[in-house]
Amino acid sequence: MYPGKMNEKEQQIMQKMKSAIATVTGIVILAQLSASAAAWQGMEMGKRAIHTMIKQASEKVHNRYEAAGITDPVAFEAFFRKLQEAVQAGDKRQVAKKVHFPLRINKDGSSRYIRDEQQFLAEYDQIFSDKVKKALLAQNVQETFVNAEGVMVGNGELWLGQIGGKYVLFAVNE
């Protein structure tokens, strides 16, 4: 046998070795591609997760009622809608449950206070005049004026806020 020359059996062995090497090389390449694909997919999943976290954080950060001391804008807006629904339905007791007593009533340059739920129910129709009802029912909660005093409805007919962890109506201007 001459160097560089192979017999038929050696050629078959060499061919099998080349085939095995090609198979192993293919497996290695596929493994690398799979790892790259997994890394890419992981990066995409990571990007989505980061995007979601940023979105959630920005939603938590944006509280248009913060100046009024309101800590949960979603809960406050739900309170506001329930107050509107109770007034619309004429449900005086449900409205009374949303009032902070003593309730300040401002009218004609003077102030007085409604001391409790019983007095509020007795005077409801005077407190919730047509003007006050219209202001509340026409108000979009996200278009209210907000400052350190509270959340103003209409042209100041009602003032709402958070007192003792509860959302309440605390002043009426007739």
C-alpha atoms as a PDB file:
ATOM      1  CA  MET A   1       0.000   0.000   0.000  1.00  0.00           C
ATOM      2  CA  TYR A   2       1.332   3.407  -0.953  1.00  0.00           C
ATOM      3  CA  PRO A   3       1.098   6.430   1.257  1.00  0.00           C
ATOM      4  CA  GLY A   4      -1.927   8.480   0.157  1.00  0.00           C
ATOM      5  CA  LYS A   5      -3.586   5.500  -1.452  1.00  0.00           C
ATOM      6  CA  MET A   6      -6.296   3.540   0.324  1.00  0.00           C
ATOM      7  CA  ASN A   7      -7.771   0.229  -0.417  1.00  0.00           C
ATOM      8  CA  GLU A   8     -11.478  -0.210  -0.768  1.00  0.00           C
ATOM      9  CA  LYS A   9     -12.050  -1.110   2.878  1.00  0.00           C
ATOM     10  CA  GLU A  10     -10.059   1.912   4.059  1.00  0.00           C
ATOM     11  CA  GLN A  11     -12.036   4.118   1.678  1.00  0.00           C
ATOM     12  CA  GLN A  12     -15.299   2.794   3.146  1.00  0.00           C
ATOM     13  CA  ILE A  13     -14.064   3.460   6.674  1.00  0.00           C
ATOM     14  CA  MET A  14     -12.939   6.944   5.633  1.00  0.00           C
ATOM     15  CA  GLN A  15     -16.329   7.594   4.037  1.00  0.00           C
ATOM     16  CA  LYS A  16     -18.112   6.491   7.230  1.00  0.00           C
ATOM     17  CA  MET A  17     -15.828   8.751   9.283  1.00  0.00           C
ATOM     18  CA  LYS A  18     -16.541  11.710   6.993  1.00  0.00           C
ATOM     19  CA  SER A  19     -20.238  10.968   7.243  1.00  0.00           C
ATOM     20  CA  ALA A  20     -20.006  10.752  11.038  1.00  0.00           C
ATOM     21  CA  ILE A  21     -18.016  13.996  11.168  1.00  0.00           C
ATOM     22  CA  ALA A  22     -20.609  15.683   8.933  1.00  0.00           C
ATOM     23  CA  THR A  23     -23.407  14.427  11.198  1.00  0.00           C
ATOM     24  CA  VAL A  24     -21.655  15.638  14.350  1.00  0.00           C
ATOM     25  CA  THR A  25     -20.897  18.974  12.673  1.00  0.00           C
ATOM     26  CA  GLY A  26     -24.561  19.291  11.681  1.00  0.00           C
ATOM     27  CA  ILE A  27     -25.665  18.540  15.229  1.00  0.00           C
ATOM     28  CA  VAL A  28     -23.264  21.147  16.609  1.00  0.00           C
ATOM     29  CA  ILE A  29     -24.490  23.741  14.095  1.00  0.00           C
ATOM     30  CA  LEU A  30     -28.137  22.951  14.911  1.00  0.00           C
ATOM     31  CA  ALA A  31     -27.402  23.220  18.622  1.00  0.00           C
ATOM     32  CA  GLN A  32     -25.782  26.610  18.081  1.00  0.00           C
ATOM     33  CA  LEU A  33     -28.696  27.783  15.946  1.00  0.00           C
ATOM     34  CA  SER A  34     -31.176  26.520  18.523  1.00  0.00           C
ATOM     35  CA  ALA A  35     -29.304  28.311  21.281  1.00  0.00           C
ATOM     36  CA  SER A  36     -29.292  31.496  19.202  1.00  0.00           C
ATOM     37  CA  ALA A  37     -33.006  31.132  18.468  1.00  0.00           C
ATOM     38  CA  ALA A  38     -33.759  30.519  22.133  1.00  0.00           C
ATOM     39  CA  ALA A  39     -31.669  33.524  23.095  1.00  0.00           C
ATOM     40  CA  TRP A  40     -33.505  35.649  20.514  1.00  0.00           C
ATOM     41  CA  GLN A  41     -36.863  34.382  21.729  1.00  0.00           C
ATOM     42  CA  GLY A  42     -35.775  35.053  25.294  1.00  0.00           C
ATOM     43  CA  MET A  43     -34.768  38.587  24.341  1.00  0.00           C
ATOM     44  CA  GLU A  44     -38.148  39.136  22.681  1.00  0.00           C
ATOM     45  CA  MET A  45     -39.938  37.777  25.739  1.00  0.00           C
ATOM     46  CA  GLY A  46     -37.743  39.966  27.913  1.00  0.00           C
ATOM     47  CA  LYS A  47     -38.570  43.019  25.806  1.00  0.00           C
ATOM     48  CA  ARG A  48     -42.292  42.284  26.123  1.00  0.00           C
ATOM     49  CA  ALA A  49     -41.968  41.826  29.873  1.00  0.00           C
ATOM     50  CA  ILE A  50     -40.080  45.102  30.211  1.00  0.00           C
ATOM     51  CA  HIS A  51     -42.660  46.892  28.041  1.00  0.00           C
ATOM     52  CA  THR A  52     -45.474  45.506  30.220  1.00  0.00           C
ATOM     53  CA  MET A  53     -43.715  46.574  33.421  1.00  0.00           C
ATOM     54  CA  ILE A  54     -43.127  50.086  32.074  1.00  0.00           C
ATOM     55  CA  LYS A  55     -46.773  50.368  31.029  1.00  0.00           C
ATOM     56  CA  GLN A  56     -48.000  49.179  34.427  1.00  0.00           C
ATOM     57  CA  ALA A  57     -45.619  51.517  36.228  1.00  0.00           C
ATOM     58  CA  SER A  58     -46.731  54.502  34.156  1.00  0.00           C
ATOM     59  CA  GLU A  59     -50.375  53.681  34.867  1.00  0.00           C
ATOM     60  CA  LYS A  60     -49.607  53.530  38.574  1.00  0.00           C
ATOM     61  CA  VAL A  61     -47.618  56.748  38.466  1.00  0.00           C
ATOM     62  CA  HIS A  62     -50.358  58.717  36.690  1.00  0.00           C
ATOM     63  CA  ASN A  63     -52.930  59.545  39.352  1.00  0.00           C
ATOM     64  CA  ARG A  64     -54.701  62.728  38.300  1.00  0.00           C
ATOM     65  CA  TYR A  65     -56.337  62.934  41.760  1.00  0.00           C
ATOM     66  CA  GLU A  66     -53.097  62.766  43.737  1.00  0.00           C
ATOM     67  CA  ALA A  67     -53.144  66.489  44.595  1.00  0.00           C
ATOM     68  CA  ALA A  68     -56.441  65.864  46.418  1.00  0.00           C
ATOM     69  CA  GLY A  69     -54.872  63.071  48.486  1.00  0.00           C
ATOM     70  CA  ILE A  70     -56.656  60.315  46.582  1.00  0.00           C
ATOM     71  CA  THR A  71     -54.476  57.209  46.539  1.00  0.00           C
ATOM     72  CA  ASP A  72     -56.374  54.900  44.165  1.00  0.00           C
ATOM     73  CA  PRO A  73     -57.735  56.619  41.052  1.00  0.00           C
ATOM     74  CA  VAL A  74     -59.591  53.521  39.838  1.00  0.00           C
ATOM     75  CA  ALA A  75     -61.430  53.108  43.155  1.00  0.00           C
ATOM     76  CA  PHE A  76     -62.202  56.837  43.295  1.00  0.00           C
ATOM     77  CA  GLU A  77     -63.689  56.794  39.791  1.00  0.00           C
ATOM     78  CA  ALA A  78     -65.825  53.777  40.757  1.00  0.00           C
ATOM     79  CA  PHE A  79     -67.024  55.716  43.840  1.00  0.00           C
ATOM     80  CA  PHE A  80     -67.837  58.710  41.633  1.00  0.00           C
ATOM     81  CA  ARG A  81     -69.911  56.587  39.231  1.00  0.00           C
ATOM     82  CA  LYS A  82     -71.788  54.951  42.131  1.00  0.00           C
ATOM     83  CA  LEU A  83     -72.563  58.403  43.549  1.00  0.00           C
ATOM     84  CA  GLN A  84     -73.910  59.487  40.153  1.00  0.00           C
ATOM     85  CA  GLU A  85     -76.005  56.298  39.912  1.00  0.00           C
ATOM     86  CA  ALA A  86     -77.450  56.777  43.411  1.00  0.00           C
ATOM     87  CA  VAL A  87     -78.380  60.412  42.698  1.00  0.00           C
ATOM     88  CA  GLN A  88     -79.856  59.471  39.298  1.00  0.00           C
ATOM     89  CA  ALA A  89     -81.969  56.753  40.957  1.00  0.00           C
ATOM     90  CA  GLY A  90     -83.024  59.070  43.796  1.00  0.00           C
ATOM     91  CA  ASP A  91     -81.561  56.591  46.299  1.00  0.00           C
ATOM     92  CA  LYS A  92     -81.058  58.974  49.231  1.00  0.00           C
ATOM     93  CA  ARG A  93     -79.729  56.275  51.564  1.00  0.00           C
ATOM     94  CA  GLN A  94     -76.996  55.237  49.110  1.00  0.00           C
ATOM     95  CA  VAL A  95     -76.049  58.887  48.653  1.00  0.00           C
ATOM     96  CA  ALA A  96     -75.953  59.322  52.455  1.00  0.00           C
ATOM     97  CA  LYS A  97     -73.493  56.408  52.731  1.00  0.00           C
ATOM     98  CA  LYS A  98     -71.091  58.374  50.540  1.00  0.00           C
ATOM     99  CA  VAL A  99     -71.194  61.529  52.681  1.00  0.00           C
ATOM    100  CA  HIS A 100     -68.693  62.600  55.321  1.00  0.00           C
ATOM    101  CA  PHE A 101     -70.447  64.094  58.352  1.00  0.00           C
ATOM    102  CA  PRO A 102     -70.608  66.796  59.357  1.00  0.00           C
ATOM    103  CA  LEU A 103     -71.350  67.787  55.746  1.00  0.00           C
ATOM    104  CA  ARG A 104     -70.606  71.420  54.994  1.00  0.00           C
ATOM    105  CA  ILE A 105     -73.338  73.276  53.080  1.00  0.00           C
ATOM    106  CA  ASN A 106     -72.475  76.677  51.618  1.00  0.00           C
ATOM    107  CA  LYS A 107     -75.333  78.882  50.441  1.00  0.00           C
ATOM    108  CA  ASP A 108     -75.742  82.618  49.934  1.00  0.00           C
ATOM    109  CA  GLY A 109     -72.398  83.458  51.546  1.00  0.00           C
ATOM    110  CA  SER A 110     -72.912  81.472  54.737  1.00  0.00           C
ATOM    111  CA  SER A 111     -72.064  77.951  55.861  1.00  0.00           C
ATOM    112  CA  ARG A 112     -73.923  75.413  57.910  1.00  0.00           C
ATOM    113  CA  TYR A 113     -73.358  71.749  58.705  1.00  0.00           C
ATOM    114  CA  ILE A 114     -75.479  68.646  58.347  1.00  0.00           C
ATOM    115  CA  ARG A 115     -74.519  66.726  61.474  1.00  0.00           C
ATOM    116  CA  ASP A 116     -75.574  63.161  60.588  1.00  0.00           C
ATOM    117  CA  GLU A 117     -77.304  60.811  58.165  1.00  0.00           C
ATOM    118  CA  GLN A 118     -80.729  61.383  59.726  1.00  0.00           C
ATOM    119  CA  GLN A 119     -80.550  65.151  59.166  1.00  0.00           C
ATOM    120  CA  PHE A 120     -79.128  64.590  55.670  1.00  0.00           C
ATOM    121  CA  LEU A 121     -82.047  62.349  54.687  1.00  0.00           C
ATOM    122  CA  ALA A 122     -84.558  64.859  56.080  1.00  0.00           C
ATOM    123  CA  GLU A 123     -82.977  67.718  54.097  1.00  0.00           C
ATOM    124  CA  TYR A 124     -81.872  65.767  51.007  1.00  0.00           C
ATOM    125  CA  ASP A 125     -84.157  67.571  48.549  1.00  0.00           C
ATOM    126  CA  GLN A 126     -82.876  70.982  49.670  1.00  0.00           C
ATOM    127  CA  ILE A 127     -79.230  69.837  49.655  1.00  0.00           C
ATOM    128  CA  PHE A 128     -79.447  68.069  46.288  1.00  0.00           C
ATOM    129  CA  SER A 129     -81.249  70.785  44.378  1.00  0.00           C
ATOM    130  CA  ASP A 130     -81.831  70.417  40.644  1.00  0.00           C
ATOM    131  CA  LYS A 131     -78.725  72.544  40.034  1.00  0.00           C
ATOM    132  CA  VAL A 132     -76.550  70.260  42.191  1.00  0.00           C
ATOM    133  CA  LYS A 133     -77.978  67.078  40.639  1.00  0.00           C
ATOM    134  CA  LYS A 134     -77.480  68.377  37.095  1.00  0.00           C
ATOM    135  CA  ALA A 135     -73.881  69.333  37.845  1.00  0.00           C
ATOM    136  CA  LEU A 136     -73.085  65.858  39.193  1.00  0.00           C
ATOM    137  CA  LEU A 137     -74.907  63.914  36.492  1.00  0.00           C
ATOM    138  CA  ALA A 138     -73.338  65.944  33.673  1.00  0.00           C
ATOM    139  CA  GLN A 139     -69.801  65.663  35.063  1.00  0.00           C
ATOM    140  CA  ASN A 140     -67.232  63.353  33.463  1.00  0.00           C
ATOM    141  CA  VAL A 141     -65.039  62.237  36.364  1.00  0.00           C
ATOM    142  CA  GLN A 142     -61.870  62.538  34.284  1.00  0.00           C
ATOM    143  CA  GLU A 143     -62.667  66.165  33.507  1.00  0.00           C
ATOM    144  CA  THR A 144     -63.042  67.275  37.117  1.00  0.00           C
ATOM    145  CA  PHE A 145     -60.937  70.061  38.609  1.00  0.00           C
ATOM    146  CA  VAL A 146     -58.526  68.716  41.220  1.00  0.00           C
ATOM    147  CA  ASN A 147     -56.471  70.558  43.826  1.00  0.00           C
ATOM    148  CA  ALA A 148     -55.316  70.115  47.418  1.00  0.00           C
ATOM    149  CA  GLU A 149     -58.858  70.856  48.627  1.00  0.00           C
ATOM    150  CA  GLY A 150     -60.371  67.920  46.758  1.00  0.00           C
ATOM    151  CA  VAL A 151     -62.143  67.047  43.532  1.00  0.00           C
ATOM    152  CA  MET A 152     -64.595  69.682  42.314  1.00  0.00           C
ATOM    153  CA  VAL A 153     -67.785  68.758  40.488  1.00  0.00           C
ATOM    154  CA  GLY A 154     -69.302  71.216  38.015  1.00  0.00           C
ATOM    155  CA  ASN A 155     -68.639  74.810  39.025  1.00  0.00           C
ATOM    156  CA  GLY A 156     -68.019  73.858  42.632  1.00  0.00           C
ATOM    157  CA  GLU A 157     -71.469  72.483  43.433  1.00  0.00           C
ATOM    158  CA  LEU A 158     -69.898  69.429  45.089  1.00  0.00           C
ATOM    159  CA  TRP A 159     -66.479  68.656  46.567  1.00  0.00           C
ATOM    160  CA  LEU A 160     -65.255  65.089  46.970  1.00  0.00           C
ATOM    161  CA  GLY A 161     -62.155  63.601  48.521  1.00  0.00           C
ATOM    162  CA  GLN A 162     -60.594  60.854  50.574  1.00  0.00           C
ATOM    163  CA  ILE A 163     -61.005  61.088  54.331  1.00  0.00           C
ATOM    164  CA  GLY A 164     -59.851  58.310  56.630  1.00  0.00           C
ATOM    165  CA  GLY A 165     -59.196  56.000  53.686  1.00  0.00           C
ATOM    166  CA  LYS A 166     -62.770  56.403  52.398  1.00  0.00           C
ATOM    167  CA  TYR A 167     -63.965  58.341  49.344  1.00  0.00           C
ATOM    168  CA  VAL A 168     -66.624  60.856  50.370  1.00  0.00           C
ATOM    169  CA  LEU A 169     -68.687  63.907  49.525  1.00  0.00           C
ATOM    170  CA  PHE A 170     -67.642  66.555  52.049  1.00  0.00           C
ATOM    171  CA  ALA A 171     -69.083  69.870  50.811  1.00  0.00           C
ATOM    172  CA  VAL A 172     -72.066  71.149  48.844  1.00  0.00           C
ATOM    173  CA  ASN A 173     -72.323  74.652  47.399  1.00  0.00           C
ATOM    174  CA  GLU A 174     -75.937  75.476  46.571  1.00  0.00           C
END
